[in-house]
């Protein structure tokens, strides 16, 4: 078992795949629905001045998938011990003693901390700053705010295999997501 704080690219890849999967599910739901999932919200936003509406819509497109990914991650970490993105990248999370999966409280606290400190609430500029800060801390080997009570188990795998896995998974998620978004009218 290792604490994978020195592997920020592997962890970033796992998180980005998880968020992309949530986006794919949202795009599929919108395509099946034939448009936005919350038409009342869309109607409400149309009453607000256009500049503000565009800002709110842009934020919703990033905040909602990050928030949903955090909720799904919390459930999966305490039940399965990993998420789809983490599994593809060869990561599992365990309690600090390495023996068991995280408790529901630990999973929820981790997901909330990661959403706030690691993904900057999903707000584009704030998220970029938070991710750079987290990346720098991870490279220095320092624990991140949401990682106090657990450690990673990382399967041995060549870096080239990890990169290939990530690229194939990203393409397998991205292509249908863009197609589904076009069916739903292009928006989230």
C-alpha atoms as a PDB file:
ATOM      1  CA  UNK A   1       0.000   0.000   0.000  1.00  0.00           C
ATOM      2  CA  UNK A   2       1.225   3.485  -0.771  1.00  0.00           C
ATOM      3  CA  UNK A   3      -0.050   6.929  -0.124  1.00  0.00           C
ATOM      4  CA  UNK A   4      -0.369   8.121  -3.704  1.00  0.00           C
ATOM      5  CA  UNK A   5       0.129  11.801  -2.903  1.00  0.00           C
ATOM      6  CA  UNK A   6       3.177  11.732  -5.185  1.00  0.00           C
ATOM      7  CA  UNK A   7       1.033  10.615  -8.141  1.00  0.00           C
ATOM      8  CA  UNK A   8      -1.076  13.696  -8.865  1.00  0.00           C
ATOM      9  CA  UNK A   9      -1.502  12.962 -12.591  1.00  0.00           C
ATOM     10  CA  UNK A  10      -2.961   9.526 -11.893  1.00  0.00           C
ATOM     11  CA  UNK A  11      -5.399  10.994  -9.383  1.00  0.00           C
ATOM     12  CA  UNK A  12      -6.285  13.946 -11.630  1.00  0.00           C
ATOM     13  CA  UNK A  13      -6.940  11.492 -14.479  1.00  0.00           C
ATOM     14  CA  UNK A  14      -9.198   9.386 -12.248  1.00  0.00           C
ATOM     15  CA  UNK A  15     -11.194  12.423 -11.108  1.00  0.00           C
ATOM     16  CA  UNK A  16     -11.552  13.804 -14.617  1.00  0.00           C
ATOM     17  CA  UNK A  17     -12.863  10.446 -15.850  1.00  0.00           C
ATOM     18  CA  UNK A  18     -15.404  10.343 -13.011  1.00  0.00           C
ATOM     19  CA  UNK A  19     -16.642  13.852 -13.820  1.00  0.00           C
ATOM     20  CA  UNK A  20     -16.772  12.977 -17.532  1.00  0.00           C
ATOM     21  CA  UNK A  21     -18.916   9.915 -16.727  1.00  0.00           C
ATOM     22  CA  UNK A  22     -21.333  12.107 -14.770  1.00  0.00           C
ATOM     23  CA  UNK A  23     -21.443  14.503 -17.736  1.00  0.00           C
ATOM     24  CA  UNK A  24     -22.166  11.558 -20.039  1.00  0.00           C
ATOM     25  CA  UNK A  25     -25.082  10.469 -17.821  1.00  0.00           C
ATOM     26  CA  UNK A  26     -26.432  14.034 -17.769  1.00  0.00           C
ATOM     27  CA  UNK A  27     -26.110  14.282 -21.558  1.00  0.00           C
ATOM     28  CA  UNK A  28     -27.952  10.962 -21.974  1.00  0.00           C
ATOM     29  CA  UNK A  29     -30.735  12.155 -19.649  1.00  0.00           C
ATOM     30  CA  UNK A  30     -31.053  15.433 -21.565  1.00  0.00           C
ATOM     31  CA  UNK A  31     -31.109  13.631 -24.903  1.00  0.00           C
ATOM     32  CA  UNK A  32     -33.808  11.272 -23.642  1.00  0.00           C
ATOM     33  CA  UNK A  33     -35.750  14.220 -22.241  1.00  0.00           C
ATOM     34  CA  UNK A  34     -35.298  16.223 -25.452  1.00  0.00           C
ATOM     35  CA  UNK A  35     -33.768  19.278 -23.811  1.00  0.00           C
ATOM     36  CA  UNK A  36     -32.831  20.731 -20.434  1.00  0.00           C
ATOM     37  CA  UNK A  37     -33.700  18.550 -17.458  1.00  0.00           C
ATOM     38  CA  UNK A  38     -35.044  21.474 -15.474  1.00  0.00           C
ATOM     39  CA  UNK A  39     -37.201  23.587 -17.817  1.00  0.00           C
ATOM     40  CA  UNK A  40     -38.601  25.614 -14.900  1.00  0.00           C
ATOM     41  CA  UNK A  41     -35.082  26.692 -14.002  1.00  0.00           C
ATOM     42  CA  UNK A  42     -34.467  27.593 -17.638  1.00  0.00           C
ATOM     43  CA  UNK A  43     -37.668  29.668 -17.687  1.00  0.00           C
ATOM     44  CA  UNK A  44     -36.662  31.421 -14.461  1.00  0.00           C
ATOM     45  CA  UNK A  45     -33.207  32.219 -15.828  1.00  0.00           C
ATOM     46  CA  UNK A  46     -34.793  33.782 -18.918  1.00  0.00           C
ATOM     47  CA  UNK A  47     -36.334  36.485 -16.709  1.00  0.00           C
ATOM     48  CA  UNK A  48     -32.895  37.606 -15.485  1.00  0.00           C
ATOM     49  CA  UNK A  49     -30.734  40.034 -17.521  1.00  0.00           C
ATOM     50  CA  UNK A  50     -28.956  38.111 -20.286  1.00  0.00           C
ATOM     51  CA  UNK A  51     -25.382  38.705 -19.116  1.00  0.00           C
ATOM     52  CA  UNK A  52     -26.163  37.245 -15.698  1.00  0.00           C
ATOM     53  CA  UNK A  53     -28.054  34.312 -17.276  1.00  0.00           C
ATOM     54  CA  UNK A  54     -25.055  33.400 -19.399  1.00  0.00           C
ATOM     55  CA  UNK A  55     -22.812  33.440 -16.345  1.00  0.00           C
ATOM     56  CA  UNK A  56     -25.234  31.308 -14.314  1.00  0.00           C
ATOM     57  CA  UNK A  57     -25.674  28.818 -17.152  1.00  0.00           C
ATOM     58  CA  UNK A  58     -21.920  28.530 -17.650  1.00  0.00           C
ATOM     59  CA  UNK A  59     -21.426  27.925 -13.926  1.00  0.00           C
ATOM     60  CA  UNK A  60     -24.230  25.358 -13.782  1.00  0.00           C
ATOM     61  CA  UNK A  61     -22.597  23.380 -16.596  1.00  0.00           C
ATOM     62  CA  UNK A  62     -19.507  22.870 -14.413  1.00  0.00           C
ATOM     63  CA  UNK A  63     -20.867  23.001 -10.861  1.00  0.00           C
ATOM     64  CA  UNK A  64     -23.660  20.431 -11.279  1.00  0.00           C
ATOM     65  CA  UNK A  65     -21.448  17.642 -12.721  1.00  0.00           C
ATOM     66  CA  UNK A  66     -18.772  18.264 -10.059  1.00  0.00           C
ATOM     67  CA  UNK A  67     -21.378  18.201  -7.291  1.00  0.00           C
ATOM     68  CA  UNK A  68     -22.992  15.032  -8.652  1.00  0.00           C
ATOM     69  CA  UNK A  69     -19.562  13.413  -9.058  1.00  0.00           C
ATOM     70  CA  UNK A  70     -18.802  14.223  -5.409  1.00  0.00           C
ATOM     71  CA  UNK A  71     -22.062  12.617  -4.261  1.00  0.00           C
ATOM     72  CA  UNK A  72     -21.530   9.511  -6.401  1.00  0.00           C
ATOM     73  CA  UNK A  73     -17.917   9.263  -5.246  1.00  0.00           C
ATOM     74  CA  UNK A  74     -18.960   9.387  -1.582  1.00  0.00           C
ATOM     75  CA  UNK A  75     -21.396   6.503  -2.080  1.00  0.00           C
ATOM     76  CA  UNK A  76     -18.978   4.403  -4.133  1.00  0.00           C
ATOM     77  CA  UNK A  77     -15.985   4.854  -1.819  1.00  0.00           C
ATOM     78  CA  UNK A  78     -17.827   3.529   1.223  1.00  0.00           C
ATOM     79  CA  UNK A  79     -19.506   0.674  -0.670  1.00  0.00           C
ATOM     80  CA  UNK A  80     -17.020  -0.436  -3.344  1.00  0.00           C
ATOM     81  CA  UNK A  81     -13.817   1.341  -2.295  1.00  0.00           C
ATOM     82  CA  UNK A  82     -13.218   2.963  -5.654  1.00  0.00           C
ATOM     83  CA  UNK A  83     -14.944   4.866  -8.459  1.00  0.00           C
ATOM     84  CA  UNK A  84     -14.985   4.009 -12.174  1.00  0.00           C
ATOM     85  CA  UNK A  85     -12.224   6.545 -12.889  1.00  0.00           C
ATOM     86  CA  UNK A  86     -10.104   5.365  -9.965  1.00  0.00           C
ATOM     87  CA  UNK A  87     -10.597   1.723 -10.973  1.00  0.00           C
ATOM     88  CA  UNK A  88      -9.484   2.472 -14.541  1.00  0.00           C
ATOM     89  CA  UNK A  89      -6.403   4.258 -13.209  1.00  0.00           C
ATOM     90  CA  UNK A  90      -5.663   1.435 -10.737  1.00  0.00           C
ATOM     91  CA  UNK A  91      -6.548   3.233  -7.494  1.00  0.00           C
ATOM     92  CA  UNK A  92      -8.513   2.160  -4.422  1.00  0.00           C
ATOM     93  CA  UNK A  93      -9.008   4.080  -1.196  1.00  0.00           C
ATOM     94  CA  UNK A  94      -8.788   2.496   2.236  1.00  0.00           C
ATOM     95  CA  UNK A  95      -8.828   3.734   5.792  1.00  0.00           C
ATOM     96  CA  UNK A  96      -5.502   4.953   7.112  1.00  0.00           C
ATOM     97  CA  UNK A  97      -4.818   1.503   8.601  1.00  0.00           C
ATOM     98  CA  UNK A  98      -5.324   0.009   5.117  1.00  0.00           C
ATOM     99  CA  UNK A  99      -7.746  -2.624   6.330  1.00  0.00           C
ATOM    100  CA  UNK A 100     -11.184  -1.502   5.230  1.00  0.00           C
ATOM    101  CA  UNK A 101     -13.128   0.770   2.933  1.00  0.00           C
ATOM    102  CA  UNK A 102     -13.912   4.267   4.133  1.00  0.00           C
ATOM    103  CA  UNK A 103     -16.924   4.708   6.383  1.00  0.00           C
ATOM    104  CA  UNK A 104     -19.907   6.647   5.000  1.00  0.00           C
ATOM    105  CA  UNK A 105     -18.914   9.643   7.166  1.00  0.00           C
ATOM    106  CA  UNK A 106     -15.308   9.507   5.930  1.00  0.00           C
ATOM    107  CA  UNK A 107     -16.478   9.180   2.323  1.00  0.00           C
ATOM    108  CA  UNK A 108     -18.857  12.125   2.653  1.00  0.00           C
ATOM    109  CA  UNK A 109     -16.244  14.297   4.352  1.00  0.00           C
ATOM    110  CA  UNK A 110     -13.674  13.386   1.706  1.00  0.00           C
ATOM    111  CA  UNK A 111     -16.059  14.118  -1.172  1.00  0.00           C
ATOM    112  CA  UNK A 112     -17.094  17.460   0.361  1.00  0.00           C
ATOM    113  CA  UNK A 113     -13.487  18.468   0.981  1.00  0.00           C
ATOM    114  CA  UNK A 114     -12.452  17.456  -2.507  1.00  0.00           C
ATOM    115  CA  UNK A 115     -15.392  19.372  -4.026  1.00  0.00           C
ATOM    116  CA  UNK A 116     -14.452  22.528  -2.119  1.00  0.00           C
ATOM    117  CA  UNK A 117     -10.641  22.401  -1.907  1.00  0.00           C
ATOM    118  CA  UNK A 118      -9.774  20.232  -4.898  1.00  0.00           C
ATOM    119  CA  UNK A 119     -12.416  21.198  -7.454  1.00  0.00           C
ATOM    120  CA  UNK A 120     -13.043  24.769  -6.292  1.00  0.00           C
ATOM    121  CA  UNK A 121     -16.826  24.217  -6.110  1.00  0.00           C
ATOM    122  CA  UNK A 122     -16.750  23.524  -9.869  1.00  0.00           C
ATOM    123  CA  UNK A 123     -16.383  27.244 -10.647  1.00  0.00           C
ATOM    124  CA  UNK A 124     -14.056  27.415 -13.635  1.00  0.00           C
ATOM    125  CA  UNK A 125     -11.364  29.901 -12.517  1.00  0.00           C
ATOM    126  CA  UNK A 126     -11.589  28.899  -8.853  1.00  0.00           C
ATOM    127  CA  UNK A 127     -11.364  25.224  -9.857  1.00  0.00           C
ATOM    128  CA  UNK A 128      -8.224  25.839 -11.901  1.00  0.00           C
ATOM    129  CA  UNK A 129      -6.545  27.589  -8.971  1.00  0.00           C
ATOM    130  CA  UNK A 130      -7.651  24.861  -6.534  1.00  0.00           C
ATOM    131  CA  UNK A 131      -6.399  22.096  -8.826  1.00  0.00           C
ATOM    132  CA  UNK A 132      -3.012  23.778  -9.331  1.00  0.00           C
ATOM    133  CA  UNK A 133      -2.666  24.271  -5.570  1.00  0.00           C
ATOM    134  CA  UNK A 134      -3.605  20.636  -4.905  1.00  0.00           C
ATOM    135  CA  UNK A 135      -1.206  19.444  -7.614  1.00  0.00           C
ATOM    136  CA  UNK A 136       1.663  21.430  -6.071  1.00  0.00           C
ATOM    137  CA  UNK A 137       0.910  20.084  -2.580  1.00  0.00           C
ATOM    138  CA  UNK A 138       0.767  16.530  -3.938  1.00  0.00           C
ATOM    139  CA  UNK A 139       4.104  16.935  -5.719  1.00  0.00           C
ATOM    140  CA  UNK A 140       5.644  18.129  -2.443  1.00  0.00           C
ATOM    141  CA  UNK A 141       4.288  14.992  -0.752  1.00  0.00           C
ATOM    142  CA  UNK A 142       2.008  16.973   1.551  1.00  0.00           C
ATOM    143  CA  UNK A 143      -1.437  15.620   2.433  1.00  0.00           C
ATOM    144  CA  UNK A 144      -4.363  17.359   0.805  1.00  0.00           C
ATOM    145  CA  UNK A 145      -7.163  18.847   2.906  1.00  0.00           C
ATOM    146  CA  UNK A 146      -9.539  15.956   2.243  1.00  0.00           C
ATOM    147  CA  UNK A 147      -7.068  13.093   2.753  1.00  0.00           C
ATOM    148  CA  UNK A 148      -6.426  13.033   6.472  1.00  0.00           C
ATOM    149  CA  UNK A 149      -7.902   9.646   7.348  1.00  0.00           C
ATOM    150  CA  UNK A 150      -7.218   7.377   4.394  1.00  0.00           C
ATOM    151  CA  UNK A 151      -4.562   6.098   2.044  1.00  0.00           C
ATOM    152  CA  UNK A 152      -4.414   4.806  -1.492  1.00  0.00           C
ATOM    153  CA  UNK A 153      -3.701   1.382  -2.837  1.00  0.00           C
ATOM    154  CA  UNK A 154      -2.291   1.660  -6.320  1.00  0.00           C
ATOM    155  CA  UNK A 155      -1.888  -1.291  -8.647  1.00  0.00           C
ATOM    156  CA  UNK A 156       1.495  -1.606 -10.273  1.00  0.00           C
ATOM    157  CA  UNK A 157       1.165  -0.623 -13.902  1.00  0.00           C
ATOM    158  CA  UNK A 158       3.499   0.909 -16.460  1.00  0.00           C
ATOM    159  CA  UNK A 159       2.972   4.638 -16.999  1.00  0.00           C
ATOM    160  CA  UNK A 160       2.372   4.036 -20.715  1.00  0.00           C
ATOM    161  CA  UNK A 161      -0.437   1.619 -19.880  1.00  0.00           C
ATOM    162  CA  UNK A 162      -2.026   4.176 -17.527  1.00  0.00           C
ATOM    163  CA  UNK A 163      -1.829   6.893 -20.169  1.00  0.00           C
ATOM    164  CA  UNK A 164      -3.300   4.591 -22.820  1.00  0.00           C
ATOM    165  CA  UNK A 165      -6.106   3.564 -20.445  1.00  0.00           C
ATOM    166  CA  UNK A 166      -6.898   7.206 -19.736  1.00  0.00           C
ATOM    167  CA  UNK A 167      -6.905   8.235 -23.413  1.00  0.00           C
ATOM    168  CA  UNK A 168      -9.078   5.305 -24.484  1.00  0.00           C
ATOM    169  CA  UNK A 169     -11.539   5.894 -21.615  1.00  0.00           C
ATOM    170  CA  UNK A 170     -11.678   9.644 -22.318  1.00  0.00           C
ATOM    171  CA  UNK A 171     -12.422   8.993 -25.991  1.00  0.00           C
ATOM    172  CA  UNK A 172     -14.993   6.321 -25.135  1.00  0.00           C
ATOM    173  CA  UNK A 173     -16.772   8.782 -22.828  1.00  0.00           C
ATOM    174  CA  UNK A 174     -16.246  11.967 -24.834  1.00  0.00           C
ATOM    175  CA  UNK A 175     -17.482  10.850 -28.250  1.00  0.00           C
ATOM    176  CA  UNK A 176     -20.956   9.722 -27.135  1.00  0.00           C
ATOM    177  CA  UNK A 177     -21.223  12.686 -24.753  1.00  0.00           C
ATOM    178  CA  UNK A 178     -20.756  15.216 -27.549  1.00  0.00           C
ATOM    179  CA  UNK A 179     -23.181  13.296 -29.753  1.00  0.00           C
ATOM    180  CA  UNK A 180     -25.801  13.161 -26.992  1.00  0.00           C
ATOM    181  CA  UNK A 181     -25.350  16.862 -26.226  1.00  0.00           C
ATOM    182  CA  UNK A 182     -26.027  17.641 -29.878  1.00  0.00           C
ATOM    183  CA  UNK A 183     -29.257  15.610 -29.667  1.00  0.00           C
ATOM    184  CA  UNK A 184     -30.326  17.534 -26.574  1.00  0.00           C
ATOM    185  CA  UNK A 185     -29.771  20.895 -28.168  1.00  0.00           C
ATOM    186  CA  UNK A 186     -26.194  21.473 -27.042  1.00  0.00           C
ATOM    187  CA  UNK A 187     -26.685  22.512 -23.404  1.00  0.00           C
ATOM    188  CA  UNK A 188     -26.638  20.957 -19.976  1.00  0.00           C
END
